[in-house]
Protein backbone atom coordinates (compact mmCIF):
# COMPACT_ATOMS: atom_id res chain seq x y z
CA MET A 1 25.76 -35.94 17.80
CA ILE A 2 23.46 -38.98 17.76
CA CYS A 3 24.61 -42.28 16.28
CA PRO A 4 23.87 -46.01 16.61
CA TYR A 5 25.17 -47.53 19.82
CA GLY A 6 28.84 -48.40 19.68
CA SER A 7 29.59 -46.71 16.34
CA CYS A 8 30.49 -43.19 17.47
CA ALA A 9 33.99 -41.80 17.55
CA PRO A 10 35.43 -41.40 21.05
CA GLY A 11 34.04 -38.55 23.10
CA THR A 12 32.28 -37.74 26.34
CA THR A 13 28.99 -39.64 26.57
CA ILE A 14 26.04 -37.40 27.44
CA GLY A 15 23.34 -40.08 27.40
CA GLU A 16 21.95 -43.22 25.81
CA PHE A 17 18.40 -43.57 24.50
CA LEU A 18 16.19 -46.42 23.30
CA LEU A 19 14.95 -45.86 19.73
CA PRO A 20 11.50 -46.94 18.43
CA ASP A 21 13.02 -49.86 16.48
CA GLY A 22 14.55 -51.30 19.66
CA SER A 23 18.12 -50.17 18.99
CA ARG A 24 19.98 -47.74 21.20
CA ALA A 25 21.45 -44.32 20.41
CA THR A 26 24.32 -42.62 22.17
CA VAL A 27 24.62 -38.84 22.46
CA ARG A 28 28.25 -37.76 22.76
CA ALA A 29 29.97 -34.41 23.03
CA ARG A 30 31.83 -33.82 19.80
CA ARG A 31 35.63 -33.93 20.08
CA LEU A 32 36.93 -31.40 17.58
CA PRO A 33 40.06 -32.33 15.63
CA VAL A 34 43.11 -30.17 16.34
CA VAL A 35 45.42 -29.02 13.56
CA SER A 36 48.95 -27.66 13.80
CA GLY A 37 48.77 -24.85 11.24
CA ALA A 38 49.46 -21.25 12.15
CA ALA A 39 46.46 -19.16 13.21
CA ASP A 40 46.87 -16.76 10.27
CA THR A 41 46.95 -19.68 7.83
CA LEU A 42 43.73 -21.11 9.21
CA ALA A 43 42.10 -17.68 9.18
CA ARG A 44 42.91 -17.23 5.48
CA ALA A 45 41.66 -20.74 4.69
CA LEU A 46 38.43 -20.09 6.59
CA ALA A 47 37.86 -16.81 4.79
CA GLY A 48 38.38 -18.51 1.42
CA ALA A 49 36.01 -21.35 2.28
CA LEU A 50 33.34 -18.89 3.39
CA ARG A 51 33.63 -17.04 0.08
CA GLN A 52 33.00 -20.32 -1.72
CA ARG A 53 30.02 -21.16 0.49
CA ALA A 54 28.51 -17.75 -0.17
CA ALA A 55 27.24 -19.08 -3.50
CA ASP A 56 24.74 -21.25 -1.57
CA VAL A 57 22.91 -18.21 -0.21
CA ALA A 58 23.78 -15.38 -2.60
CA ARG A 59 24.41 -14.67 -6.26
CA ASP A 60 25.46 -11.62 -8.28
CA VAL A 61 27.62 -10.63 -5.31
CA GLU A 62 29.58 -7.40 -5.58
CA GLY A 63 32.44 -6.33 -3.33
CA LEU A 64 32.48 -9.44 -1.14
CA GLU A 65 34.90 -9.25 1.81
CA VAL A 66 35.46 -11.78 4.60
CA ALA A 67 37.53 -10.83 7.66
CA VAL A 68 38.36 -13.49 10.26
CA GLU A 69 39.44 -12.67 13.82
CA PRO A 70 40.85 -16.08 14.74
CA GLY A 71 41.10 -15.85 18.51
CA ASP A 72 43.25 -18.32 20.45
CA ALA A 73 41.38 -21.54 19.56
CA ILE A 74 41.19 -21.54 15.78
CA GLN A 75 43.44 -24.63 15.60
CA GLN A 76 40.65 -26.40 17.50
CA GLY A 77 38.07 -25.19 14.99
CA ARG A 78 36.78 -22.13 16.84
CA ALA A 79 36.87 -18.67 15.29
CA ARG A 80 36.12 -15.78 17.62
CA ARG A 81 34.57 -13.45 15.03
CA VAL A 82 33.97 -13.37 11.29
CA VAL A 83 32.74 -10.28 9.44
CA VAL A 84 31.15 -10.75 6.01
CA SER A 85 30.36 -7.66 3.96
CA ALA A 86 29.29 -6.94 0.40
CA THR A 87 28.40 -3.92 -1.66
CA ALA A 88 25.42 -5.78 -3.14
CA ALA A 89 24.06 -9.32 -3.35
CA THR A 90 20.94 -11.22 -4.31
CA LEU A 91 20.02 -13.27 -1.25
CA GLY A 92 18.16 -16.55 -0.82
CA ASP A 93 18.55 -20.31 -1.17
CA THR A 94 20.15 -20.33 -4.60
CA ARG A 95 20.30 -24.14 -4.63
CA ARG A 96 16.52 -24.44 -5.00
CA ARG A 97 14.46 -23.59 -8.02
CA GLY A 98 11.53 -21.24 -7.78
CA VAL A 99 12.64 -19.60 -4.53
CA ALA A 100 12.15 -15.85 -4.28
CA LEU A 101 15.44 -13.96 -4.03
CA LEU A 102 15.97 -10.53 -2.50
CA ARG A 103 18.38 -7.96 -3.89
CA ALA A 104 20.17 -6.10 -1.09
CA HIS A 105 22.93 -3.50 -0.79
CA ASP A 106 25.51 -2.46 1.82
CA LEU A 107 25.43 -5.80 3.63
CA ARG A 108 27.37 -6.54 6.82
CA LEU A 109 27.04 -9.79 8.80
CA VAL A 110 28.94 -10.70 11.96
CA LEU A 111 29.39 -14.34 13.01
CA GLU A 112 30.50 -14.86 16.59
CA ASP A 113 31.99 -18.07 18.03
CA LEU A 114 31.95 -20.05 14.79
CA VAL A 115 32.75 -23.74 15.33
CA PHE A 116 33.99 -25.76 12.34
CA ASN A 117 36.02 -28.82 11.41
CA ALA A 118 39.57 -27.49 11.17
CA SER A 119 40.88 -30.78 9.80
CA SER A 120 38.67 -30.83 6.69
CA LEU A 121 39.31 -27.12 6.19
CA MET A 122 43.08 -27.57 6.03
CA ALA A 123 43.09 -30.91 4.20
CA GLU A 124 40.45 -30.16 1.57
CA GLY A 125 39.70 -26.44 1.80
CA ARG A 126 36.13 -27.36 2.72
CA LEU A 127 34.10 -25.60 5.38
CA ASP A 128 32.12 -27.96 7.61
CA PRO A 129 30.34 -25.66 10.08
CA LEU A 130 29.31 -27.30 13.35
CA ASP A 131 27.89 -24.50 15.48
CA LEU A 132 27.53 -20.75 15.73
CA GLY A 133 27.27 -18.71 18.90
CA ARG A 134 25.43 -15.81 17.28
CA LEU A 135 24.80 -14.19 13.92
CA ARG A 136 24.17 -10.46 13.84
CA LEU A 137 22.88 -8.54 10.83
CA GLU A 138 24.48 -5.14 11.38
CA ARG A 139 23.73 -3.45 8.08
CA LEU A 140 21.59 -3.99 4.99
CA SER A 141 19.44 -1.90 2.68
CA VAL A 142 16.66 -2.96 0.33
CA THR A 143 14.99 -0.60 -2.12
CA ALA A 144 11.22 -0.52 -2.35
CA ASP A 145 11.37 -1.76 -5.95
CA ASP A 146 13.55 -4.73 -4.98
CA PHE A 147 11.27 -5.58 -2.07
CA HIS A 148 8.19 -5.53 -4.31
CA ALA A 149 9.99 -7.75 -6.83
CA PHE A 150 10.73 -10.18 -3.98
CA LEU A 151 7.06 -10.25 -2.98
CA ALA A 152 5.97 -10.76 -6.58
CA ALA A 153 8.25 -13.81 -6.91
CA GLY A 154 7.15 -15.44 -3.63
CA LYS A 155 4.71 -18.29 -3.16
CA ASP A 156 1.98 -15.83 -2.16
CA ARG A 157 2.64 -13.66 -5.19
CA GLY A 158 0.04 -10.98 -5.67
CA ARG A 159 -1.69 -11.65 -2.34
CA THR A 160 0.38 -9.26 -0.23
CA GLN A 161 0.76 -5.57 -1.00
CA VAL A 162 3.15 -3.29 0.87
CA ALA A 163 3.47 0.49 0.61
CA PHE A 164 6.42 2.06 2.43
CA ASP A 165 6.21 5.43 4.13
CA ARG A 166 8.30 7.30 6.68
CA GLY A 167 8.56 5.03 9.73
CA PHE A 168 5.82 2.59 8.77
CA ALA A 169 4.41 0.42 6.00
CA ASP A 170 0.80 -0.11 4.98
CA VAL A 171 0.23 -3.83 4.44
CA ARG A 172 -2.73 -5.52 2.79
CA MET A 173 -3.13 -9.30 2.60
CA GLU A 174 -5.67 -10.98 0.34
CA LEU A 175 -6.93 -14.12 2.07
CA PRO A 176 -9.54 -16.79 1.20
CA GLY A 177 -11.78 -15.08 3.76
CA PRO A 178 -11.83 -11.36 4.57
CA ASP A 179 -8.74 -9.39 3.61
CA ILE A 180 -6.51 -7.97 6.35
CA SER A 181 -4.89 -4.54 6.29
CA ALA A 182 -2.70 -2.80 8.86
CA ARG A 183 -0.13 -0.09 9.35
CA VAL A 184 2.99 -1.79 10.71
CA ARG A 185 6.42 -0.85 12.01
CA PHE A 186 9.42 -2.84 13.22
CA VAL A 187 10.07 -3.05 16.97
CA PRO A 188 12.76 -4.84 19.03
CA ALA A 189 11.96 -8.23 20.54
CA SER A 190 13.80 -10.24 23.20
CA ASP A 191 12.75 -13.66 21.88
CA ARG A 192 13.33 -13.18 18.13
CA PRO A 193 15.34 -11.03 15.73
CA PHE A 194 12.50 -8.51 15.28
CA ALA A 195 8.75 -8.10 15.68
CA LEU A 196 6.00 -6.06 14.07
CA ALA A 197 3.70 -3.64 15.87
CA ALA A 198 0.51 -2.52 14.18
CA ASP A 199 -2.34 -0.06 14.30
CA ARG A 200 -5.22 0.75 11.94
CA VAL A 201 -5.86 -2.98 11.69
CA ARG A 202 -8.88 -3.93 9.60
CA VAL A 203 -10.45 -7.26 8.67
CA GLY A 204 -12.71 -7.08 5.65
CA GLY A 205 -12.61 -3.31 5.95
CA VAL A 206 -13.92 -3.38 9.54
CA PRO A 207 -11.68 -1.84 12.25
CA VAL A 208 -10.37 -4.42 14.72
CA PRO A 209 -10.69 -3.65 18.47
CA SER A 210 -7.35 -3.24 20.22
CA LEU A 211 -7.94 -6.40 22.29
CA LEU A 212 -7.98 -8.48 19.08
CA VAL A 213 -5.06 -6.83 17.28
CA GLY A 214 -2.58 -9.40 18.65
CA TRP A 215 -4.66 -12.26 17.24
CA VAL A 216 -4.77 -10.64 13.80
CA MET A 217 -1.04 -9.91 13.90
CA ASN A 218 -0.34 -13.63 14.24
CA VAL A 219 -1.45 -13.83 10.60
CA ILE A 220 0.59 -10.85 9.38
CA ASP A 221 3.76 -11.03 11.49
CA PRO A 222 6.22 -13.66 10.18
CA SER A 223 8.81 -13.09 12.92
CA ARG A 224 7.82 -15.98 15.20
CA GLY A 225 7.89 -18.45 12.32
CA ILE A 226 11.28 -17.16 11.20
CA ALA A 227 12.68 -17.43 14.73
CA ALA A 228 11.39 -21.00 15.13
CA ARG A 229 13.37 -22.12 12.06
CA LEU A 230 16.68 -20.55 13.08
CA PRO A 231 19.30 -23.08 14.21
CA PHE A 232 21.28 -20.50 16.22
CA PRO A 233 20.71 -17.08 17.86
CA VAL A 234 20.22 -14.23 15.40
CA GLU A 235 20.16 -10.51 16.12
CA VAL A 236 19.14 -7.75 13.73
CA ALA A 237 20.12 -4.11 14.16
CA ARG A 238 17.44 -1.42 14.15
CA ILE A 239 15.21 -1.61 11.07
CA GLU A 240 14.02 1.67 9.60
CA ILE A 241 11.25 2.10 7.03
CA ALA A 242 11.25 4.94 4.51
CA PRO A 243 9.48 5.56 1.21
CA ALA A 244 12.65 4.47 -0.61
CA GLY A 245 12.78 1.09 1.15
CA LEU A 246 14.18 -0.67 4.22
CA GLN A 247 17.39 0.12 6.07
CA VAL A 248 18.97 -2.11 8.72
CA GLY A 249 21.49 -0.44 11.00
CA GLY A 250 21.01 3.10 9.79
CA SER A 251 22.80 4.89 6.99
């Protein structure tokens, strides 16, 4: 938490810094408010608030369920584990116009070590999330038709073509210069939720030597950019490709 010098609520001071305008900022460790409600009551309130917040990132949700494992510190605004599942949902930033949305089925998300403001939750029923230890996508499926509709609605509509097959996808990107094509598959990565491995890489129809494949993949593989924008650790279960579409976490 960074705030003008002298205006922060009490808490442990981590450091003070001089700002460009000559004022000073103080970084303090946040002191979470403590509430006296029963753990089960807070867990139900948290589940209800999460259902309401789901509208920010999903619409046309079917079969939404939220299960909270409160742990022993939920009165301090710390939930050990939250499981969010849905039969189907259309995912994306629903608050913005013109954003491509992805229809998905059989969704299961696990939030670990969720930190929130317990006081505002109990007083107003509002979820103010403060931190998250880890988010894990355990299960999700996307049909090929829904994935192609997502691509068609994106900002690069029509420039990327994807054909799913068993264990891989053939990708073609139309660029201002030579087009790029490759056969790609999902692989685990230690520094991001997933990565793409490729072979049969071509630029302008010309095969790319293996030494240059990594350079070309920086154009095709969005995983590093996605990881750089994530505010907390994210893990994704094994991703499988089939002609029918994508499957996270197996059937």
